[in-house]
Protein backbone atom coordinates (compact mmCIF):
# COMPACT_ATOMS: atom_id res chain seq x y z
CA MET A 1 7.87 61.55 32.34
CA ARG A 2 6.52 57.60 32.74
CA ARG A 3 7.59 57.36 29.34
CA THR A 4 10.71 58.71 29.62
CA THR A 5 11.53 56.53 32.82
CA ILE A 6 10.04 53.42 30.84
CA ASP A 7 12.96 54.23 28.30
CA THR A 8 15.72 54.43 30.92
CA ALA A 9 14.91 51.12 32.76
CA LEU A 10 14.72 49.83 29.25
CA ARG A 11 18.18 50.74 28.34
CA THR A 12 19.66 50.04 31.67
CA ALA A 13 18.50 46.39 31.59
CA LEU A 14 19.58 46.03 28.17
CA VAL A 15 23.21 47.42 29.36
CA LEU A 16 22.49 45.23 32.25
CA ALA A 17 22.10 41.90 30.26
CA SER A 18 24.66 42.94 27.44
CA ALA A 19 27.45 43.09 30.02
CA GLY A 20 26.38 40.25 31.56
CA LEU A 21 26.80 38.19 27.92
CA LEU A 22 30.14 39.99 27.39
CA LEU A 23 30.90 38.69 31.15
CA PHE A 24 30.42 35.67 31.26
CA PRO A 25 33.46 33.85 30.16
CA ILE A 26 35.64 35.89 33.01
CA TYR A 27 33.18 34.25 35.23
CA TRP A 28 33.08 30.87 34.10
CA MET A 29 36.81 30.88 33.89
CA LEU A 30 37.27 32.21 37.44
CA VAL A 31 34.41 29.36 38.55
CA THR A 32 36.26 26.60 36.56
CA ALA A 33 39.89 27.66 38.43
CA VAL A 34 38.13 28.04 42.12
CA LEU A 35 36.55 24.70 41.67
CA PRO A 36 37.94 20.86 41.44
CA SER A 37 37.53 19.60 37.91
CA GLU A 38 34.75 17.09 39.40
CA LYS A 39 32.44 20.01 40.32
CA VAL A 40 32.92 21.40 36.75
CA LEU A 41 32.94 18.25 34.59
CA THR A 42 29.43 17.54 35.25
CA MET A 43 26.33 17.40 32.73
CA SER A 44 24.55 20.17 34.89
CA PRO A 45 27.47 22.22 36.65
CA SER A 46 26.18 25.00 38.94
CA LEU A 47 26.53 28.59 37.99
CA LEU A 48 26.33 29.85 41.37
CA PRO A 49 28.97 27.08 43.45
CA ALA A 50 28.96 26.56 47.19
CA ALA A 51 31.79 28.54 49.10
CA ALA A 52 32.73 25.36 51.04
CA ASP A 53 33.76 23.69 47.10
CA MET A 54 35.77 27.01 46.18
CA SER A 55 39.57 27.11 46.64
CA LEU A 56 42.69 28.67 45.44
CA ASP A 57 44.63 25.42 45.08
CA ALA A 58 45.21 25.73 40.98
CA PHE A 59 46.48 29.46 41.37
CA ALA A 60 49.46 28.05 44.04
CA GLY A 61 49.83 24.78 41.78
CA VAL A 62 49.90 26.97 38.82
CA VAL A 63 52.84 29.38 39.99
CA ASP A 64 54.18 26.12 41.79
CA ARG A 65 54.60 23.54 38.70
CA LYS A 66 55.29 26.17 35.75
CA PRO A 67 57.18 29.15 35.30
CA VAL A 68 54.78 31.46 35.07
CA LEU A 69 57.11 34.39 36.24
CA ALA A 70 59.08 33.47 32.89
CA TRP A 71 56.37 33.27 30.82
CA PHE A 72 54.68 36.68 32.21
CA VAL A 73 58.86 39.06 31.48
CA ASN A 74 59.34 37.37 28.28
CA SER A 75 55.49 38.34 27.14
CA GLY A 76 55.59 41.58 28.80
CA LEU A 77 59.21 42.52 27.01
CA VAL A 78 57.79 41.80 23.75
CA THR A 79 54.77 43.29 24.24
CA VAL A 80 56.91 46.91 25.85
CA GLY A 81 59.08 46.70 22.54
CA SER A 82 56.30 45.85 19.85
CA VAL A 83 54.05 48.57 21.36
CA ALA A 84 56.53 51.42 21.44
CA VAL A 85 57.74 50.41 17.99
CA SER A 86 54.08 50.29 16.37
CA VAL A 87 53.06 53.70 17.87
CA VAL A 88 56.38 55.46 16.97
CA ILE A 89 56.09 54.23 13.47
CA SER A 90 51.96 54.41 12.90
CA ALA A 91 52.06 57.90 14.45
CA LEU A 92 54.62 58.75 11.54
CA ALA A 93 52.77 56.98 8.59
CA GLY A 94 49.20 57.95 9.71
CA TYR A 95 50.37 61.24 9.60
CA SER A 96 52.09 61.28 5.60
CA LEU A 97 49.28 59.69 4.66
CA SER A 98 46.99 62.42 5.92
CA ARG A 99 49.10 65.50 5.22
CA PHE A 100 51.38 64.75 2.56
CA ASN A 101 49.73 64.59 -0.84
CA LEU A 102 52.07 62.97 -2.92
CA GLY A 103 49.74 61.13 -4.55
CA GLY A 104 48.78 57.06 -4.25
CA GLU A 105 47.60 57.98 -0.41
CA GLN A 106 44.30 55.95 -1.22
CA ILE A 107 45.73 53.16 -2.82
CA MET A 108 48.22 52.89 -0.14
CA GLY A 109 46.06 53.04 2.70
CA TYR A 110 44.08 50.23 0.92
CA ALA A 111 46.97 48.24 0.59
CA LEU A 112 47.74 48.16 4.32
CA LEU A 113 44.61 47.44 4.81
CA VAL A 114 44.78 44.37 2.30
CA SER A 115 47.66 43.52 4.39
CA ARG A 116 46.26 43.18 7.84
CA MET A 117 43.79 40.80 6.15
CA LEU A 118 46.58 38.36 5.82
CA PRO A 119 46.61 35.60 7.85
CA GLY A 120 49.59 34.96 10.41
CA THR A 121 49.71 31.38 9.14
CA LEU A 122 50.70 32.87 5.88
CA LEU A 123 53.52 35.37 6.61
CA VAL A 124 54.79 32.84 9.21
CA ILE A 125 56.72 30.72 6.54
CA PRO A 126 58.36 33.79 4.73
CA LEU A 127 58.96 35.64 8.58
CA TYR A 128 60.68 32.48 9.52
CA ILE A 129 62.96 32.10 6.33
CA MET A 130 64.05 35.45 6.51
CA PHE A 131 64.88 35.22 10.28
CA SER A 132 66.71 32.00 10.22
CA ARG A 133 68.92 33.34 7.31
CA VAL A 134 70.12 36.73 9.44
CA GLY A 135 70.51 34.32 12.68
CA MET A 136 67.38 35.67 14.06
CA ILE A 137 65.33 32.38 15.02
CA ASN A 138 64.55 31.85 19.13
CA SER A 139 64.54 35.66 20.10
CA PHE A 140 62.55 38.64 21.51
CA ALA A 141 63.80 40.37 18.60
CA ALA A 142 62.18 38.08 16.16
CA LEU A 143 58.95 38.46 17.58
CA ILE A 144 58.76 42.12 18.15
CA LEU A 145 59.81 42.36 14.08
CA ALA A 146 56.99 39.62 13.30
CA ASN A 147 54.29 41.32 15.46
CA ILE A 148 55.20 45.16 14.01
CA VAL A 149 54.98 43.70 10.74
CA SER A 150 51.27 42.29 11.55
CA ILE A 151 50.26 45.39 13.91
CA VAL A 152 51.52 48.36 11.77
CA PRO A 153 48.91 48.12 8.68
CA PHE A 154 46.16 48.50 10.56
CA SER A 155 47.61 51.19 13.22
CA THR A 156 48.39 53.12 11.00
CA TRP A 157 45.10 53.24 9.12
CA MET A 158 43.35 54.51 12.64
CA MET A 159 46.09 56.96 13.48
CA LYS A 160 45.54 58.34 9.50
CA GLY A 161 41.83 59.06 10.61
CA PHE A 162 42.24 60.88 13.83
CA TYR A 163 45.18 63.25 11.87
CA ASP A 164 42.21 63.84 9.38
CA GLY A 165 40.05 64.80 12.01
CA ILE A 166 42.51 67.92 13.02
CA PRO A 167 42.45 70.85 10.98
CA ALA A 168 45.32 71.28 8.96
CA GLU A 169 45.04 74.85 9.67
CA LEU A 170 46.64 74.48 12.82
CA GLU A 171 49.65 73.48 11.03
CA GLU A 172 49.60 76.23 8.85
CA ALA A 173 49.45 78.66 11.94
CA ALA A 174 52.53 76.76 13.41
CA SER A 175 54.61 77.60 10.33
CA ILE A 176 53.93 81.10 10.03
CA ASP A 177 55.24 81.42 13.70
CA GLY A 178 58.68 79.60 12.91
CA CYS A 179 57.85 76.10 13.08
CA SER A 180 58.60 73.36 10.34
CA TRP A 181 56.62 70.60 9.84
CA PHE A 182 57.78 68.29 12.31
CA MET A 183 58.32 71.25 15.06
CA ALA A 184 54.55 71.48 14.25
CA PHE A 185 53.69 68.08 14.16
CA ARG A 186 55.10 67.13 17.64
CA ARG A 187 54.11 70.29 19.39
CA VAL A 188 50.68 70.75 17.71
CA VAL A 189 49.20 68.22 16.26
CA LEU A 190 50.62 64.92 18.37
CA PRO A 191 49.33 66.33 21.63
CA LEU A 192 45.75 66.51 20.22
CA THR A 193 45.99 62.64 18.98
CA LEU A 194 46.33 61.09 22.43
CA PRO A 195 43.40 59.55 22.66
CA GLY A 196 44.39 58.30 18.93
CA LEU A 197 47.53 56.96 20.56
CA ALA A 198 45.98 55.32 23.36
CA ALA A 199 43.70 53.35 20.74
CA VAL A 200 46.65 52.03 18.68
CA SER A 201 48.51 51.24 21.94
CA ILE A 202 45.62 49.51 23.17
CA TYR A 203 45.29 47.82 19.68
CA SER A 204 48.87 47.04 19.79
CA ALA A 205 49.61 45.33 23.41
CA ILE A 206 46.49 43.08 23.01
CA LEU A 207 47.67 41.79 19.76
CA SER A 208 51.64 41.51 20.55
CA TRP A 209 50.24 39.83 24.42
CA ASN A 210 47.64 37.54 22.84
CA GLU A 211 49.61 36.31 19.55
CA TYR A 212 50.31 32.48 19.58
CA VAL A 213 51.33 31.50 16.01
CA PHE A 214 54.54 33.66 15.73
CA ALA A 215 55.19 32.85 19.68
CA ARG A 216 55.24 29.24 19.01
CA THR A 217 56.99 29.04 15.38
CA LEU A 218 59.53 31.47 15.78
CA VAL A 219 61.10 31.08 19.47
CA MET A 220 61.51 27.08 20.75
CA ASP A 221 63.77 27.25 23.59
CA GLN A 222 61.00 26.69 26.38
CA GLY A 223 63.16 29.71 28.27
CA LYS A 224 61.76 31.91 25.94
CA TRP A 225 57.81 30.90 26.05
CA MET A 226 55.61 33.46 25.60
CA PHE A 227 52.69 33.33 28.05
CA THR A 228 50.32 31.95 25.22
CA VAL A 229 52.43 28.93 24.27
CA GLY A 230 52.53 28.74 28.03
CA LEU A 231 48.97 28.27 28.23
CA ALA A 232 48.92 25.82 25.63
CA SER A 233 51.14 23.51 27.64
CA PHE A 234 48.20 22.75 29.87
CA VAL A 235 46.14 20.86 27.30
CA GLY A 236 47.61 17.32 27.51
CA GLU A 237 47.31 14.66 24.78
CA HIS A 238 45.03 12.35 26.53
CA SER A 239 43.41 15.44 29.42
CA VAL A 240 43.23 18.69 29.98
CA ASP A 241 44.02 20.33 33.41
CA TRP A 242 40.88 22.59 33.32
CA SER A 243 41.41 24.48 36.38
CA SER A 244 44.98 25.00 36.19
CA LEU A 245 44.39 26.10 32.83
CA MET A 246 41.61 28.72 33.72
CA ALA A 247 43.57 29.72 36.66
CA ALA A 248 46.45 30.65 34.35
CA GLY A 249 44.25 32.38 31.88
CA ILE A 250 42.99 34.44 35.25
CA ILE A 251 46.73 35.63 35.24
CA PHE A 252 47.04 36.16 32.03
CA ILE A 253 44.33 38.55 31.42
CA VAL A 254 45.42 40.82 34.03
CA PRO A 255 48.28 42.46 32.62
CA ILE A 256 45.86 44.03 29.81
CA LEU A 257 42.73 45.08 31.90
CA ILE A 258 45.43 46.80 33.97
CA PHE A 259 46.47 48.73 30.69
CA PHE A 260 43.21 49.29 29.46
CA PHE A 261 41.96 50.85 32.30
CA ILE A 262 45.31 53.39 32.63
CA LEU A 263 44.64 54.52 28.91
CA GLU A 264 40.74 54.61 28.96
CA PRO A 265 40.74 58.22 30.29
CA PHE A 266 42.48 59.13 27.26
CA LEU A 267 39.86 57.53 25.09
CA VAL A 268 37.10 58.93 27.19
CA LYS A 269 38.55 62.24 26.71
CA GLY A 270 39.21 62.16 23.11
CA MET A 271 35.50 60.69 22.54
CA THR A 272 34.54 63.76 24.54
CA GLN A 273 36.02 66.46 22.56
CA GLY A 274 34.74 64.48 19.73
CA SER A 275 30.99 65.16 21.01
CA VAL A 276 31.58 68.59 21.77
CA LYS A 277 32.80 69.47 18.44
CA GLY A 278 30.11 67.67 16.88
């Protein structure tokens, strides 16, 4: 009993220490946002600042001086469009790689992984040339398509892994009952892959919301800036407004955290079902 108690205490301490290390950057962002710059830019800043030194002026200043709402809406539109299209394409492409034995599935899968390894800086030039020729530069559609190009390869591989864990006999039984392959996919397979769809949605949303290279290159109009490009505007040529930058950063990460907590039950449900099957 004592041994079990000690092991539990050690695991709890390890989990708390790991959580503290992972959450410390967010904590320090918040501290930097609520403190004056002279209190932060010292040789030995306080980890637990006094309440009298804290202020929310940086958050109010960010909203007043910068078009944060416009950045928020622009990033939201591009993210929603990128996620919606990417999830549909990945769900169908992953299913085809998992179920249709037409030859070359492994090669196609590895090709998708290799394409995902290509950096955005390598893709942005050909994408810029193609979009400029069709008149799509400085448009949200160009950003959505660029994000899809970046998201779909790995998302397809993720969905293939979820489909591989679903017995093909379920679709065979559905076909005996008169379902076509698409009806079996929609009514039988797709509901079982909700954890996979949630994981792909979160992955797609994070990549789209955090994307900077495409947003900085394909859109020049300041009225269409993404939030990431707007954050970069706080970095001046000779100085950095750290309090405002961190305040905007806190605002920036809130939507992704909310989105994750909304879809988190589906991820937990999927992991629980997997452990029961095992």
